[in-house]
Amino acid sequence: MELDAEKARRQTEVFHHSLVEALPQMILCKDLEGRFTFANKRFCNDLGRPIDEILGRTDFDFFPPELAEKYRHDDRMVLESGEVLDVVEEHVTPKGETLYVQVMKSPLRDSDGAMLGLQGIFWDVTARRRAELKLKEQNVILQDLARSEREAHEALKAAQSRMVQTEKLASLGQLVAGVAHEINNPLAFVANNVGVLERDVRDMVTLINLYRGEGDPALPRAEVAARIAQVAGELDLDYTLGNLPRLIDRTREGLRRIERIVKDLRLFARVDEGEWNEIDLNPGIESSVNMVMGYARKTGVRLASELAPLPPLRCKPARLHQVIVNLLTNAIDASHADGVVTVRSRREPDGSAIVIEVADQGTGIDPAIRERIFDPFFTTKAIGQGTGLGLSISYGIVQEHKGTIEVAANPGGGSCFRVRLPREAHPASHHEHTAQAALNEGARHEAGTD
């Protein structure tokens, strides 16, 4: 019976020994003083020493002092805490090669639980560790790139905003003479009316005071009556009393015209582009026509509007206002004296979109340049008369609204720009369909020239 037990024990030892030697990991045991009491062949090969040169020695016999001290420190921590140490650390082979190894050290006890030493197992994880470090480096690089991209995007947004505003002010500069004329006309007759009112009111106050007897009380009644008749005659009292309501109405109308023009200017030139709102586009189109009315008159061009009733459209009104003003001024510039520029609006028969057209009777667009007219800074105007950005920015604004813009020959001669705005357009994200995207892509679409 004892022989069978001994045989079984030996078989178990042989199995455990063969298993330890067959494992791809390096396995070792140390006593409480840090001396090696066991090492498998892989560990022996790693040290380049036979087993009899390893047993009874310590880490200080095989490794640099600082590394051996670290190993000894880890051993003490395991022996004192009784807990398993599981770490990845640098390991220097006797040949001086630096590796990363996965290390697991655990207490070694006898059958009574008394501490005998520790056992350790470690294996090379250099490839994995270097891959992890490389991944971390790549993550840092990606984070830096993401941060740089965000910063670049913010700078791009600021540049876009400045570009859009610069183009607005450039357009406003082109229109300023006409706008000044539109303001000066009502301002002139308001000023004249106020002068007339001032004169008539002064005479009427004199007349009223005479009626109230606030003149010289010593004057005979006949002289007072004569003085009243004289002032009434000078004032042409009957005409003045009949003309006062008309004078006030004309003055009020002139002030309303000035107010409307100033309102249109504020809408066009404001820096704040506003939020997405659901609106009727027709009042904005009328405002755009009012903006360019003076410029059209100055060049001898007549403006006509054919606006059909429209359903509400979700859009950025100020941006679309800029598009329409750009198209109108381009159409006026392309027109001959006594020409007509017509702006139309309508809804698609199925109600899915709103269409805005600006047609002129001018010279048309040369097919050779038609595909370039939306390129940034491309213009057919004389130097100093155009920035070359109007249509590029207009294209970007239409894209922001998920719409399209195209040009076709006008049956009556000239060109017709057509903007189609889908009613289901939603606010674009901060980096999608911006004016700069249109500039960067060098849009090649059929449209007009700035």
Protein backbone atom coordinates (compact mmCIF):
# COMPACT_ATOMS: atom_id res chain seq x y z
CA MET A 1 0.00 0.00 0.00
CA GLU A 2 2.85 2.31 0.93
CA LEU A 3 4.57 1.39 -2.32
CA ASP A 4 1.51 2.40 -4.30
CA ALA A 5 1.30 5.73 -2.47
CA GLU A 6 4.99 6.37 -3.06
CA LYS A 7 4.59 5.50 -6.72
CA ALA A 8 1.62 7.87 -7.03
CA ARG A 9 3.57 10.66 -5.31
CA ARG A 10 6.51 10.19 -7.65
CA GLN A 11 4.20 10.18 -10.68
CA THR A 12 2.65 13.43 -9.43
CA GLU A 13 6.06 14.99 -8.97
CA VAL A 14 7.11 13.89 -12.44
CA PHE A 15 3.91 15.40 -13.88
CA HIS A 16 4.35 18.68 -12.06
CA HIS A 17 8.02 18.83 -13.01
CA SER A 18 7.29 18.17 -16.67
CA LEU A 19 4.50 20.73 -16.62
CA VAL A 20 6.73 23.40 -15.07
CA GLU A 21 9.46 22.68 -17.60
CA ALA A 22 7.03 22.63 -20.53
CA LEU A 23 5.41 25.99 -19.76
CA PRO A 24 6.63 28.94 -21.87
CA GLN A 25 6.98 31.09 -18.72
CA MET A 26 10.05 31.41 -16.50
CA ILE A 27 9.40 29.99 -13.02
CA LEU A 28 11.46 30.36 -9.85
CA CYS A 29 11.32 29.93 -6.09
CA LYS A 30 13.21 31.83 -3.36
CA ASP A 31 13.62 31.33 0.37
CA LEU A 32 13.02 34.00 2.99
CA GLU A 33 16.55 35.37 2.45
CA GLY A 34 16.02 35.80 -1.28
CA ARG A 35 18.15 32.80 -2.28
CA PHE A 36 16.98 30.80 -5.30
CA THR A 37 15.65 27.35 -4.35
CA PHE A 38 14.23 26.43 -7.75
CA ALA A 39 14.42 27.58 -11.38
CA ASN A 40 13.00 25.97 -14.48
CA LYS A 41 15.05 25.56 -17.63
CA ARG A 42 13.65 28.67 -19.30
CA PHE A 43 14.80 30.79 -16.38
CA CYS A 44 18.19 29.10 -16.45
CA ASN A 45 18.46 29.80 -20.17
CA ASP A 46 17.46 33.42 -19.59
CA LEU A 47 20.28 33.81 -17.05
CA GLY A 48 22.64 31.76 -19.19
CA ARG A 49 23.60 29.66 -16.18
CA PRO A 50 23.08 25.97 -15.29
CA ILE A 51 20.81 25.23 -12.36
CA ASP A 52 23.67 24.42 -9.94
CA GLU A 53 25.10 27.95 -10.48
CA ILE A 54 21.73 29.53 -9.63
CA LEU A 55 20.54 27.65 -6.55
CA GLY A 56 21.58 29.31 -3.32
CA ARG A 57 22.40 32.61 -4.97
CA THR A 58 20.43 35.88 -5.07
CA ASP A 59 19.41 38.48 -7.63
CA PHE A 60 22.51 40.51 -6.74
CA ASP A 61 24.62 37.74 -8.31
CA PHE A 62 22.97 38.13 -11.73
CA PHE A 63 21.48 41.61 -12.17
CA PRO A 64 22.64 45.23 -11.85
CA PRO A 65 22.48 46.45 -8.22
CA GLU A 66 19.56 48.85 -8.73
CA LEU A 67 17.50 46.17 -10.48
CA ALA A 68 18.41 43.49 -7.93
CA GLU A 69 17.41 45.88 -5.13
CA LYS A 70 14.04 46.43 -6.78
CA TYR A 71 13.45 42.67 -7.07
CA ARG A 72 14.38 42.24 -3.42
CA HIS A 73 12.03 45.06 -2.41
CA ASP A 74 9.17 43.41 -4.29
CA ASP A 75 9.98 40.05 -2.59
CA ARG A 76 9.80 41.63 0.87
CA MET A 77 6.47 43.27 0.04
CA VAL A 78 5.01 39.87 -0.95
CA LEU A 79 6.39 38.12 2.14
CA GLU A 80 5.19 40.86 4.50
CA SER A 81 1.73 41.33 2.98
CA GLY A 82 1.08 37.73 2.03
CA GLU A 83 -0.58 39.04 -1.16
CA VAL A 84 0.12 38.32 -4.81
CA LEU A 85 2.14 40.87 -6.78
CA ASP A 86 1.02 41.18 -10.39
CA VAL A 87 2.81 43.87 -12.42
CA VAL A 88 4.42 44.66 -15.76
CA GLU A 89 7.95 45.95 -15.31
CA GLU A 90 11.23 46.44 -17.09
CA HIS A 91 13.67 43.55 -16.93
CA VAL A 92 17.31 43.61 -18.00
CA THR A 93 18.76 40.27 -19.08
CA PRO A 94 22.34 39.32 -18.23
CA LYS A 95 23.14 40.17 -21.85
CA GLY A 96 21.99 43.75 -21.21
CA GLU A 97 18.79 43.50 -23.26
CA THR A 98 15.86 45.50 -21.82
CA LEU A 99 12.51 43.73 -21.92
CA TYR A 100 9.07 44.22 -20.47
CA VAL A 101 7.87 41.24 -18.45
CA GLN A 102 4.63 40.30 -16.77
CA VAL A 103 5.56 39.29 -13.21
CA MET A 104 3.47 37.36 -10.71
CA LYS A 105 4.94 36.67 -7.25
CA SER A 106 3.05 34.87 -4.47
CA PRO A 107 3.91 33.57 -0.98
CA LEU A 108 5.11 29.94 -0.63
CA ARG A 109 3.91 28.17 2.53
CA ASP A 110 4.24 24.69 4.03
CA SER A 111 1.35 22.41 4.95
CA ASP A 112 1.00 24.21 8.29
CA GLY A 113 0.82 27.65 6.65
CA ALA A 114 4.28 28.72 7.73
CA MET A 115 6.03 31.07 5.27
CA LEU A 116 8.82 29.28 3.40
CA GLY A 117 9.57 31.94 0.80
CA LEU A 118 7.95 32.89 -2.48
CA GLN A 119 7.42 31.59 -5.95
CA GLY A 120 7.46 33.67 -9.07
CA ILE A 121 6.51 33.37 -12.69
CA PHE A 122 7.24 35.87 -15.41
CA TRP A 123 7.15 36.05 -19.19
CA ASP A 124 8.13 38.40 -21.96
CA VAL A 125 5.39 40.92 -22.91
CA THR A 126 7.70 43.36 -24.69
CA ALA A 127 5.78 43.29 -27.96
CA ARG A 128 2.47 43.87 -26.19
CA ARG A 129 3.88 46.61 -23.97
CA ARG A 130 5.50 48.42 -26.85
CA ALA A 131 2.24 48.18 -28.78
CA GLU A 132 0.43 49.68 -25.78
CA LEU A 133 2.98 52.48 -25.51
CA LYS A 134 2.72 53.07 -29.23
CA LEU A 135 -1.05 53.20 -28.91
CA LYS A 136 -0.77 55.72 -26.09
CA GLU A 137 1.57 57.83 -28.20
CA GLN A 138 -0.87 57.64 -31.07
CA ASN A 139 -3.70 58.62 -28.73
CA VAL A 140 -1.71 61.63 -27.57
CA ILE A 141 -1.03 62.55 -31.20
CA LEU A 142 -4.71 62.10 -32.07
CA GLN A 143 -5.74 64.23 -29.10
CA ASP A 144 -3.31 66.92 -30.21
CA LEU A 145 -4.65 66.69 -33.75
CA ALA A 146 -8.22 66.86 -32.49
CA ARG A 147 -7.38 69.90 -30.40
CA SER A 148 -5.60 71.51 -33.33
CA GLU A 149 -8.56 70.71 -35.55
CA ARG A 150 -10.95 72.29 -33.07
CA GLU A 151 -8.76 75.36 -32.83
CA ALA A 152 -8.45 75.51 -36.62
CA HIS A 153 -12.21 75.09 -36.94
CA GLU A 154 -12.84 77.95 -34.51
CA ALA A 155 -10.37 80.09 -36.43
CA LEU A 156 -12.08 79.06 -39.67
CA LYS A 157 -15.49 79.99 -38.30
CA ALA A 158 -14.14 83.38 -37.23
CA ALA A 159 -12.57 83.87 -40.67
CA GLN A 160 -15.83 82.86 -42.36
CA SER A 161 -17.77 85.32 -40.25
CA ARG A 162 -15.33 88.09 -41.12
CA MET A 163 -15.46 87.11 -44.80
CA VAL A 164 -19.26 87.14 -44.89
CA GLN A 165 -19.37 90.47 -43.09
CA THR A 166 -16.68 91.94 -45.35
CA GLU A 167 -18.66 90.91 -48.40
CA LYS A 168 -21.79 92.46 -46.90
CA LEU A 169 -20.02 95.75 -46.28
CA ALA A 170 -18.47 95.64 -49.75
CA SER A 171 -21.94 95.18 -51.24
CA LEU A 172 -23.25 97.94 -49.01
CA GLY A 173 -20.46 100.20 -50.25
CA GLN A 174 -21.56 99.46 -53.82
CA LEU A 175 -25.17 100.29 -52.93
CA VAL A 176 -24.45 103.26 -50.69
CA ALA A 177 -24.98 105.96 -53.32
CA GLY A 178 -28.39 104.53 -54.22
CA VAL A 179 -29.31 104.04 -50.58
CA ALA A 180 -28.25 107.61 -49.79
CA HIS A 181 -30.45 108.82 -52.63
CA GLU A 182 -33.37 106.75 -51.33
CA ILE A 183 -32.93 108.34 -47.90
CA ASN A 184 -32.24 111.86 -49.15
CA ASN A 185 -35.44 112.09 -51.20
CA PRO A 186 -37.90 111.54 -48.33
CA LEU A 187 -35.56 113.39 -45.98
CA ALA A 188 -35.62 116.45 -48.26
CA PHE A 189 -39.40 116.74 -48.47
CA VAL A 190 -39.73 115.97 -44.74
CA ALA A 191 -37.35 118.87 -44.07
CA ASN A 192 -39.30 121.11 -46.49
CA ASN A 193 -42.60 120.12 -44.90
CA VAL A 194 -41.25 120.87 -41.44
CA GLY A 195 -40.15 124.32 -42.70
CA VAL A 196 -43.63 125.00 -44.07
CA LEU A 197 -45.24 123.74 -40.86
CA GLU A 198 -42.93 125.92 -38.80
CA ARG A 199 -43.90 129.04 -40.83
CA ASP A 200 -47.63 128.29 -40.87
CA VAL A 201 -47.76 127.38 -37.18
CA ARG A 202 -45.96 130.62 -36.28
CA ASP A 203 -48.53 132.69 -38.24
CA MET A 204 -51.42 130.68 -36.81
CA VAL A 205 -50.14 131.28 -33.27
CA THR A 206 -50.04 135.03 -34.05
CA LEU A 207 -53.58 134.84 -35.41
CA ILE A 208 -54.87 132.90 -32.42
CA ASN A 209 -53.28 135.38 -30.01
CA LEU A 210 -55.05 138.24 -31.85
CA TYR A 211 -58.36 136.40 -31.56
CA ARG A 212 -57.71 135.88 -27.84
CA GLY A 213 -57.00 139.59 -27.38
CA GLU A 214 -53.45 139.06 -26.19
CA GLY A 215 -52.17 141.93 -28.34
CA ASP A 216 -52.06 145.61 -27.27
CA PRO A 217 -55.31 146.14 -25.29
CA ALA A 218 -55.25 149.86 -26.16
CA LEU A 219 -55.75 149.14 -29.87
CA PRO A 220 -59.29 149.89 -31.13
CA ARG A 221 -61.37 146.84 -32.11
CA ALA A 222 -61.35 147.97 -35.76
CA GLU A 223 -57.55 147.93 -35.86
CA VAL A 224 -57.47 144.48 -34.24
CA ALA A 225 -59.94 143.18 -36.83
CA ALA A 226 -57.84 144.72 -39.60
CA ARG A 227 -54.71 143.09 -38.17
CA ILE A 228 -56.50 139.70 -38.01
CA ALA A 229 -57.60 140.04 -41.62
CA GLN A 230 -54.06 140.97 -42.66
CA VAL A 231 -52.46 137.95 -40.92
CA ALA A 232 -55.19 135.60 -42.22
CA GLY A 233 -54.58 136.88 -45.72
CA GLU A 234 -50.83 136.43 -45.45
CA LEU A 235 -51.38 132.96 -44.07
CA ASP A 236 -54.01 132.06 -46.68
CA LEU A 237 -55.91 130.56 -43.80
CA ASP A 238 -58.43 128.50 -45.78
CA TYR A 239 -55.69 126.85 -47.87
CA THR A 240 -53.45 126.30 -44.84
CA LEU A 241 -56.20 124.65 -42.81
CA GLY A 242 -57.03 122.34 -45.72
CA ASN A 243 -53.38 121.57 -46.43
CA LEU A 244 -52.27 120.77 -42.87
CA PRO A 245 -53.59 117.14 -42.82
CA ARG A 246 -51.99 116.43 -46.20
CA LEU A 247 -48.72 118.02 -45.08
CA ILE A 248 -48.64 115.88 -41.94
CA ASP A 249 -49.53 112.71 -43.88
CA ARG A 250 -46.75 113.30 -46.42
CA THR A 251 -44.27 113.99 -43.63
CA ARG A 252 -45.28 110.82 -41.84
CA GLU A 253 -44.96 108.82 -45.09
CA GLY A 254 -41.47 110.23 -45.66
CA LEU A 255 -40.45 109.21 -42.14
CA ARG A 256 -41.86 105.74 -42.75
CA ARG A 257 -39.77 105.41 -45.91
CA ILE A 258 -36.63 106.43 -44.04
CA GLU A 259 -37.47 104.01 -41.24
CA ARG A 260 -37.98 101.18 -43.75
CA ILE A 261 -34.64 101.87 -45.46
CA VAL A 262 -32.79 101.99 -42.13
CA LYS A 263 -34.48 98.75 -41.10
CA ASP A 264 -33.39 97.11 -44.36
CA LEU A 265 -29.84 98.38 -43.82
CA ARG A 266 -29.72 96.98 -40.31
CA LEU A 267 -30.98 93.60 -41.50
CA PHE A 268 -28.39 93.48 -44.26
CA ALA A 269 -25.34 94.79 -42.40
CA ARG A 270 -25.77 93.26 -38.96
CA VAL A 271 -22.98 90.97 -37.71
CA ASP A 272 -25.36 88.62 -35.89
CA GLU A 273 -26.71 86.18 -38.45
CA GLY A 274 -29.58 85.16 -36.20
CA GLU A 275 -31.03 81.77 -35.50
CA TRP A 276 -33.09 79.38 -37.55
CA ASN A 277 -36.68 80.65 -37.73
CA GLU A 278 -39.81 79.70 -39.61
CA ILE A 279 -40.86 82.70 -41.70
CA ASP A 280 -42.60 83.85 -44.85
CA LEU A 281 -39.81 84.72 -47.30
CA ASN A 282 -41.76 87.30 -49.31
CA PRO A 283 -41.33 90.21 -46.85
CA GLY A 284 -37.58 89.51 -46.84
CA ILE A 285 -37.54 89.53 -50.65
CA GLU A 286 -39.37 92.85 -50.65
CA SER A 287 -36.81 94.17 -48.16
CA SER A 288 -34.00 93.04 -50.48
CA VAL A 289 -35.65 94.83 -53.40
CA ASN A 290 -35.93 97.98 -51.30
CA MET A 291 -32.23 97.73 -50.49
CA VAL A 292 -31.17 97.82 -54.15
CA MET A 293 -33.92 100.14 -55.41
CA GLY A 294 -31.75 103.26 -55.32
CA TYR A 295 -28.86 101.46 -56.99
CA ALA A 296 -31.19 100.26 -59.76
CA ARG A 297 -32.55 103.77 -60.36
CA LYS A 298 -29.03 105.15 -60.52
CA THR A 299 -28.17 102.70 -63.32
CA GLY A 300 -31.50 103.16 -65.10
CA VAL A 301 -32.72 99.63 -64.38
CA ARG A 302 -36.30 98.90 -63.35
CA LEU A 303 -37.11 96.29 -60.71
CA ALA A 304 -40.19 94.10 -60.92
CA SER A 305 -41.54 91.66 -58.34
CA GLU A 306 -43.76 88.65 -58.99
CA LEU A 307 -44.22 87.10 -55.56
CA ALA A 308 -46.67 84.25 -55.12
CA PRO A 309 -48.03 83.33 -51.67
CA LEU A 310 -45.51 81.12 -49.85
CA PRO A 311 -45.75 78.63 -47.01
CA PRO A 312 -43.44 79.19 -44.00
CA LEU A 313 -39.81 78.17 -44.50
CA ARG A 314 -37.32 77.26 -41.76
CA CYS A 315 -34.22 79.29 -42.52
CA LYS A 316 -31.74 81.93 -41.41
CA PRO A 317 -33.49 85.05 -42.77
CA ALA A 318 -30.50 87.41 -42.66
CA ARG A 319 -28.35 84.98 -44.65
CA LEU A 320 -30.97 84.48 -47.36
CA HIS A 321 -31.48 88.24 -47.45
CA GLN A 322 -27.79 88.56 -48.35
CA VAL A 323 -28.14 85.95 -51.13
CA ILE A 324 -31.06 87.81 -52.73
CA VAL A 325 -29.30 91.18 -52.51
CA ASN A 326 -26.19 89.65 -54.14
CA LEU A 327 -28.23 88.18 -56.98
CA LEU A 328 -30.15 91.42 -57.51
CA THR A 329 -27.03 93.59 -57.62
CA ASN A 330 -25.35 91.15 -60.02
CA ALA A 331 -28.45 91.24 -62.24
CA ILE A 332 -28.49 95.06 -62.18
CA ASP A 333 -24.79 95.18 -63.09
CA ALA A 334 -25.41 92.80 -66.01
CA SER A 335 -28.37 94.82 -67.32
CA HIS A 336 -28.49 97.56 -69.91
CA ALA A 337 -30.00 100.95 -69.19
CA ASP A 338 -33.80 100.73 -69.30
CA GLY A 339 -33.52 96.99 -68.64
CA VAL A 340 -35.76 95.09 -66.24
CA VAL A 341 -34.67 92.82 -63.39
CA THR A 342 -37.44 90.55 -62.16
CA VAL A 343 -37.52 88.67 -58.88
CA ARG A 344 -40.04 85.86 -58.51
CA SER A 345 -41.06 83.52 -55.74
CA ARG A 346 -43.21 80.42 -55.82
CA ARG A 347 -43.71 77.09 -54.15
CA GLU A 348 -43.14 73.77 -55.87
CA PRO A 349 -46.41 72.11 -56.91
CA ASP A 350 -45.91 69.34 -54.34
CA GLY A 351 -45.10 71.89 -51.62
CA SER A 352 -41.67 70.35 -50.94
CA ALA A 353 -39.63 73.46 -51.70
CA ILE A 354 -39.67 77.19 -52.33
CA VAL A 355 -38.12 78.63 -55.48
CA ILE A 356 -36.69 82.15 -55.86
CA GLU A 357 -35.69 83.43 -59.30
CA VAL A 358 -33.79 86.57 -60.28
CA ALA A 359 -33.87 87.23 -64.02
CA ASP A 360 -32.24 89.99 -66.04
CA GLN A 361 -32.24 91.04 -69.68
CA GLY A 362 -28.52 91.67 -69.82
CA THR A 363 -25.55 90.22 -71.66
CA GLY A 364 -25.82 86.68 -70.29
CA ILE A 365 -22.96 84.46 -69.16
CA ASP A 366 -20.27 83.15 -71.46
CA PRO A 367 -20.47 79.32 -71.40
CA ALA A 368 -16.65 79.25 -71.20
CA ILE A 369 -16.73 80.74 -67.69
CA ARG A 370 -20.04 79.34 -66.46
CA GLU A 371 -18.39 76.58 -64.43
CA ARG A 372 -16.03 79.03 -62.70
CA ILE A 373 -18.46 81.67 -61.51
CA PHE A 374 -18.84 80.18 -58.04
CA ASP A 375 -15.08 79.97 -57.50
CA PRO A 376 -13.88 82.31 -54.77
CA PHE A 377 -12.45 85.61 -55.99
CA PHE A 378 -13.55 84.94 -59.56
CA THR A 379 -15.26 88.00 -61.05
CA THR A 380 -15.88 89.49 -64.47
CA LYS A 381 -16.30 92.98 -63.06
CA ALA A 382 -13.70 95.70 -63.36
CA ILE A 383 -11.04 95.95 -60.67
CA GLY A 384 -12.47 97.59 -57.58
CA GLN A 385 -16.09 96.87 -58.53
CA GLY A 386 -16.39 93.34 -57.15
CA THR A 387 -14.79 91.17 -54.48
CA GLY A 388 -15.33 87.88 -56.30
CA LEU A 389 -16.83 86.44 -53.11
CA GLY A 390 -20.52 87.28 -53.47
CA LEU A 391 -21.57 84.14 -55.31
CA SER A 392 -19.18 81.88 -53.44
CA ILE A 393 -20.72 83.00 -50.17
CA SER A 394 -24.22 82.82 -51.63
CA TYR A 395 -23.57 79.26 -52.75
CA GLY A 396 -22.38 78.34 -49.25
CA ILE A 397 -25.47 79.92 -47.66
CA VAL A 398 -27.79 78.00 -50.00
CA GLN A 399 -25.88 74.79 -49.23
CA GLU A 400 -26.26 75.53 -45.52
CA HIS A 401 -30.02 75.46 -46.15
CA LYS A 402 -29.66 72.13 -48.03
CA GLY A 403 -30.73 73.93 -51.20
CA THR A 404 -29.41 74.36 -54.74
CA ILE A 405 -28.60 77.31 -56.95
CA GLU A 406 -28.30 77.23 -60.73
CA VAL A 407 -28.37 79.53 -63.72
CA ALA A 408 -30.08 79.28 -67.07
CA ALA A 409 -30.44 81.49 -70.11
CA ASN A 410 -33.39 83.86 -69.82
CA PRO A 411 -35.83 83.45 -72.76
CA GLY A 412 -35.88 87.23 -73.16
CA GLY A 413 -32.09 87.45 -73.14
CA GLY A 414 -29.79 87.60 -70.16
CA SER A 415 -29.66 85.12 -67.30
CA CYS A 416 -32.00 83.67 -64.71
CA PHE A 417 -30.67 82.49 -61.33
CA ARG A 418 -32.82 79.94 -59.59
CA VAL A 419 -32.53 79.14 -55.88
CA ARG A 420 -34.42 76.10 -54.60
CA LEU A 421 -34.86 75.79 -50.83
CA PRO A 422 -36.37 72.56 -49.47
CA ARG A 423 -38.92 73.09 -46.71
CA GLU A 424 -37.59 70.12 -44.74
CA ALA A 425 -34.11 71.60 -44.34
CA HIS A 426 -32.80 71.38 -40.80
CA PRO A 427 -30.08 73.42 -39.08
CA ALA A 428 -26.70 72.20 -40.30
CA SER A 429 -23.96 71.22 -37.85
CA HIS A 430 -21.23 73.77 -37.13
CA HIS A 431 -18.87 72.25 -39.72
CA GLU A 432 -21.30 71.26 -42.48
CA HIS A 433 -22.34 73.20 -45.58
CA THR A 434 -20.68 76.46 -44.56
CA ALA A 435 -19.65 79.14 -46.97
CA GLN A 436 -16.05 78.10 -46.46
CA ALA A 437 -16.89 74.55 -47.45
CA ALA A 438 -18.08 75.94 -50.75
CA LEU A 439 -14.88 77.93 -51.09
CA ASN A 440 -12.64 74.99 -50.21
CA GLU A 441 -14.40 72.64 -52.59
CA GLY A 442 -14.06 75.20 -55.37
CA ALA A 443 -17.68 74.74 -56.26
CA ARG A 444 -18.26 73.97 -59.89
CA HIS A 445 -21.94 74.74 -60.34
CA GLU A 446 -23.76 76.71 -62.94
CA ALA A 447 -24.58 80.11 -61.50
CA GLY A 448 -23.96 83.80 -62.06
CA THR A 449 -20.97 86.08 -61.65
CA ASP A 450 -20.21 88.39 -58.79
